[in-house]
Amino acid sequence: MPRYFFNVTNELGTELDEVGLALPDDDVASATALKAMRAIQGEDPAADWSSWMLHVIDEAGNTVTRIAGFLVLTLTWFTRSFSGAKGISCSLS
């Protein structure tokens, strides 16, 4: 299985993932990144996540995806606020 690295950047700098995770493909790596960002934000939901970005990099050094911290909070709010509302459906997982 290919290995993916999850690097975090914010206003303080960059934290490089030097170990990575072996995952089946890019889609699973992207879904894992979204879950990771939600877990990180769950530790302090009131914090300012606007400068946070989670970069998923494959073994060849290519960017697979980038997850912006402010976007994850917005999508999580939207999903919670409108799930079950008539005529609106939203699934993020």
C-alpha atoms as a PDB file:
ATOM      1  CA  MET A   1       0.000   0.000   0.000  1.00  0.00           C
ATOM      2  CA  PRO A   2       1.190   3.539  -0.682  1.00  0.00           C
ATOM      3  CA  ARG A   3       2.274   5.751   2.206  1.00  0.00           C
ATOM      4  CA  TYR A   4       0.744   9.182   2.802  1.00  0.00           C
ATOM      5  CA  PHE A   5       2.079  11.998   4.961  1.00  0.00           C
ATOM      6  CA  PHE A   6      -0.128  14.481   6.824  1.00  0.00           C
ATOM      7  CA  ASN A   7       1.651  17.815   7.292  1.00  0.00           C
ATOM      8  CA  VAL A   8       0.037  20.580   9.329  1.00  0.00           C
ATOM      9  CA  THR A   9       0.654  24.280   8.832  1.00  0.00           C
ATOM     10  CA  ASN A  10      -0.635  27.204  10.861  1.00  0.00           C
ATOM     11  CA  GLU A  11       0.496  30.660  11.924  1.00  0.00           C
ATOM     12  CA  LEU A  12       3.242  29.098  14.052  1.00  0.00           C
ATOM     13  CA  GLY A  13       4.833  27.110  11.231  1.00  0.00           C
ATOM     14  CA  THR A  14       4.766  23.611   9.786  1.00  0.00           C
ATOM     15  CA  GLU A  15       4.709  20.227  11.498  1.00  0.00           C
ATOM     16  CA  LEU A  16       5.983  17.547   9.116  1.00  0.00           C
ATOM     17  CA  ASP A  17       4.712  13.995   9.363  1.00  0.00           C
ATOM     18  CA  GLU A  18       7.881  11.925   9.016  1.00  0.00           C
ATOM     19  CA  VAL A  19       6.182   8.535   9.519  1.00  0.00           C
ATOM     20  CA  GLY A  20       2.988   8.704   7.459  1.00  0.00           C
ATOM     21  CA  LEU A  21       0.267   6.090   7.082  1.00  0.00           C
ATOM     22  CA  ALA A  22      -0.026   3.219   4.643  1.00  0.00           C
ATOM     23  CA  LEU A  23      -3.460   3.590   3.035  1.00  0.00           C
ATOM     24  CA  PRO A  24      -5.132   1.956   0.031  1.00  0.00           C
ATOM     25  CA  ASP A  25      -5.510   5.056  -2.177  1.00  0.00           C
ATOM     26  CA  ASP A  26      -5.855   8.839  -2.483  1.00  0.00           C
ATOM     27  CA  ASP A  27      -9.561   8.807  -1.619  1.00  0.00           C
ATOM     28  CA  VAL A  28      -8.957   7.033   1.683  1.00  0.00           C
ATOM     29  CA  ALA A  29      -6.062   9.406   2.434  1.00  0.00           C
ATOM     30  CA  SER A  30      -8.332  12.420   1.792  1.00  0.00           C
ATOM     31  CA  ALA A  31     -11.105  11.015   3.999  1.00  0.00           C
ATOM     32  CA  THR A  32      -8.533  10.296   6.722  1.00  0.00           C
ATOM     33  CA  ALA A  33      -7.327  13.909   6.524  1.00  0.00           C
ATOM     34  CA  LEU A  34     -10.851  15.254   6.978  1.00  0.00           C
ATOM     35  CA  LYS A  35     -11.410  13.009  10.002  1.00  0.00           C
ATOM     36  CA  ALA A  36      -8.032  14.055  11.440  1.00  0.00           C
ATOM     37  CA  MET A  37      -8.803  17.761  11.069  1.00  0.00           C
ATOM     38  CA  ARG A  38     -12.183  17.275  12.742  1.00  0.00           C
ATOM     39  CA  ALA A  39     -10.490  15.421  15.611  1.00  0.00           C
ATOM     40  CA  ILE A  40      -7.867  18.149  16.037  1.00  0.00           C
ATOM     41  CA  GLN A  41     -10.555  20.838  16.074  1.00  0.00           C
ATOM     42  CA  GLY A  42     -12.655  18.828  18.505  1.00  0.00           C
ATOM     43  CA  GLU A  43      -9.949  19.351  21.121  1.00  0.00           C
ATOM     44  CA  ASP A  44     -10.652  23.105  21.105  1.00  0.00           C
ATOM     45  CA  PRO A  45     -13.694  24.063  18.982  1.00  0.00           C
ATOM     46  CA  ALA A  46     -13.585  27.691  20.121  1.00  0.00           C
ATOM     47  CA  ALA A  47     -10.044  28.254  18.801  1.00  0.00           C
ATOM     48  CA  ASP A  48      -9.285  30.240  15.650  1.00  0.00           C
ATOM     49  CA  TRP A  49      -8.633  27.587  12.986  1.00  0.00           C
ATOM     50  CA  SER A  50      -8.488  30.021  10.066  1.00  0.00           C
ATOM     51  CA  SER A  51      -4.734  29.628   9.518  1.00  0.00           C
ATOM     52  CA  TRP A  52      -4.665  25.827   9.817  1.00  0.00           C
ATOM     53  CA  MET A  53      -4.134  23.646   6.762  1.00  0.00           C
ATOM     54  CA  LEU A  54      -3.628  19.888   6.593  1.00  0.00           C
ATOM     55  CA  HIS A  55      -1.619  18.814   3.533  1.00  0.00           C
ATOM     56  CA  VAL A  56      -1.750  15.192   2.375  1.00  0.00           C
ATOM     57  CA  ILE A  57       1.394  14.232   0.466  1.00  0.00           C
ATOM     58  CA  ASP A  58       2.012  10.917  -1.292  1.00  0.00           C
ATOM     59  CA  GLU A  59       5.293   8.983  -1.375  1.00  0.00           C
ATOM     60  CA  ALA A  60       6.381  10.764  -4.560  1.00  0.00           C
ATOM     61  CA  GLY A  61       5.961  14.171  -2.884  1.00  0.00           C
ATOM     62  CA  ASN A  62       2.769  15.065  -4.750  1.00  0.00           C
ATOM     63  CA  THR A  63      -0.009  16.927  -2.958  1.00  0.00           C
ATOM     64  CA  VAL A  64      -3.065  14.682  -2.817  1.00  0.00           C
ATOM     65  CA  THR A  65      -5.320  17.174  -1.039  1.00  0.00           C
ATOM     66  CA  ARG A  66      -5.340  20.151   1.306  1.00  0.00           C
ATOM     67  CA  ILE A  67      -7.913  20.550   4.053  1.00  0.00           C
ATOM     68  CA  ALA A  68      -8.426  24.108   5.338  1.00  0.00           C
ATOM     69  CA  GLY A  69      -9.286  24.368   9.016  1.00  0.00           C
ATOM     70  CA  PHE A  70     -11.910  27.090   8.599  1.00  0.00           C
ATOM     71  CA  LEU A  71     -13.647  25.069   5.876  1.00  0.00           C
ATOM     72  CA  VAL A  72     -13.973  21.973   8.063  1.00  0.00           C
ATOM     73  CA  LEU A  73     -15.629  24.008  10.825  1.00  0.00           C
ATOM     74  CA  THR A  74     -18.004  25.612   8.315  1.00  0.00           C
ATOM     75  CA  LEU A  75     -18.977  22.276   6.756  1.00  0.00           C
ATOM     76  CA  THR A  76     -19.440  20.679  10.175  1.00  0.00           C
ATOM     77  CA  TRP A  77     -21.722  23.550  11.252  1.00  0.00           C
ATOM     78  CA  PHE A  78     -23.685  23.352   7.988  1.00  0.00           C
ATOM     79  CA  THR A  79     -24.163  19.607   8.306  1.00  0.00           C
ATOM     80  CA  ARG A  80     -25.343  19.849  11.919  1.00  0.00           C
ATOM     81  CA  SER A  81     -27.580  22.830  11.226  1.00  0.00           C
ATOM     82  CA  PHE A  82     -29.291  21.520   8.128  1.00  0.00           C
ATOM     83  CA  SER A  83     -29.239  17.745   8.416  1.00  0.00           C
ATOM     84  CA  GLY A  84     -32.804  16.586   8.290  1.00  0.00           C
ATOM     85  CA  ALA A  85     -34.096  19.890   6.916  1.00  0.00           C
ATOM     86  CA  LYS A  86     -36.670  19.313   4.183  1.00  0.00           C
ATOM     87  CA  GLY A  87     -35.142  19.430   0.717  1.00  0.00           C
ATOM     88  CA  ILE A  88     -31.549  19.635   1.942  1.00  0.00           C
ATOM     89  CA  SER A  89     -29.148  16.755   2.164  1.00  0.00           C
ATOM     90  CA  CYS A  90     -25.473  16.922   2.936  1.00  0.00           C
ATOM     91  CA  SER A  91     -23.053  14.078   3.546  1.00  0.00           C
ATOM     92  CA  LEU A  92     -19.385  14.642   4.265  1.00  0.00           C
ATOM     93  CA  SER A  93     -18.206  11.192   5.198  1.00  0.00           C
END
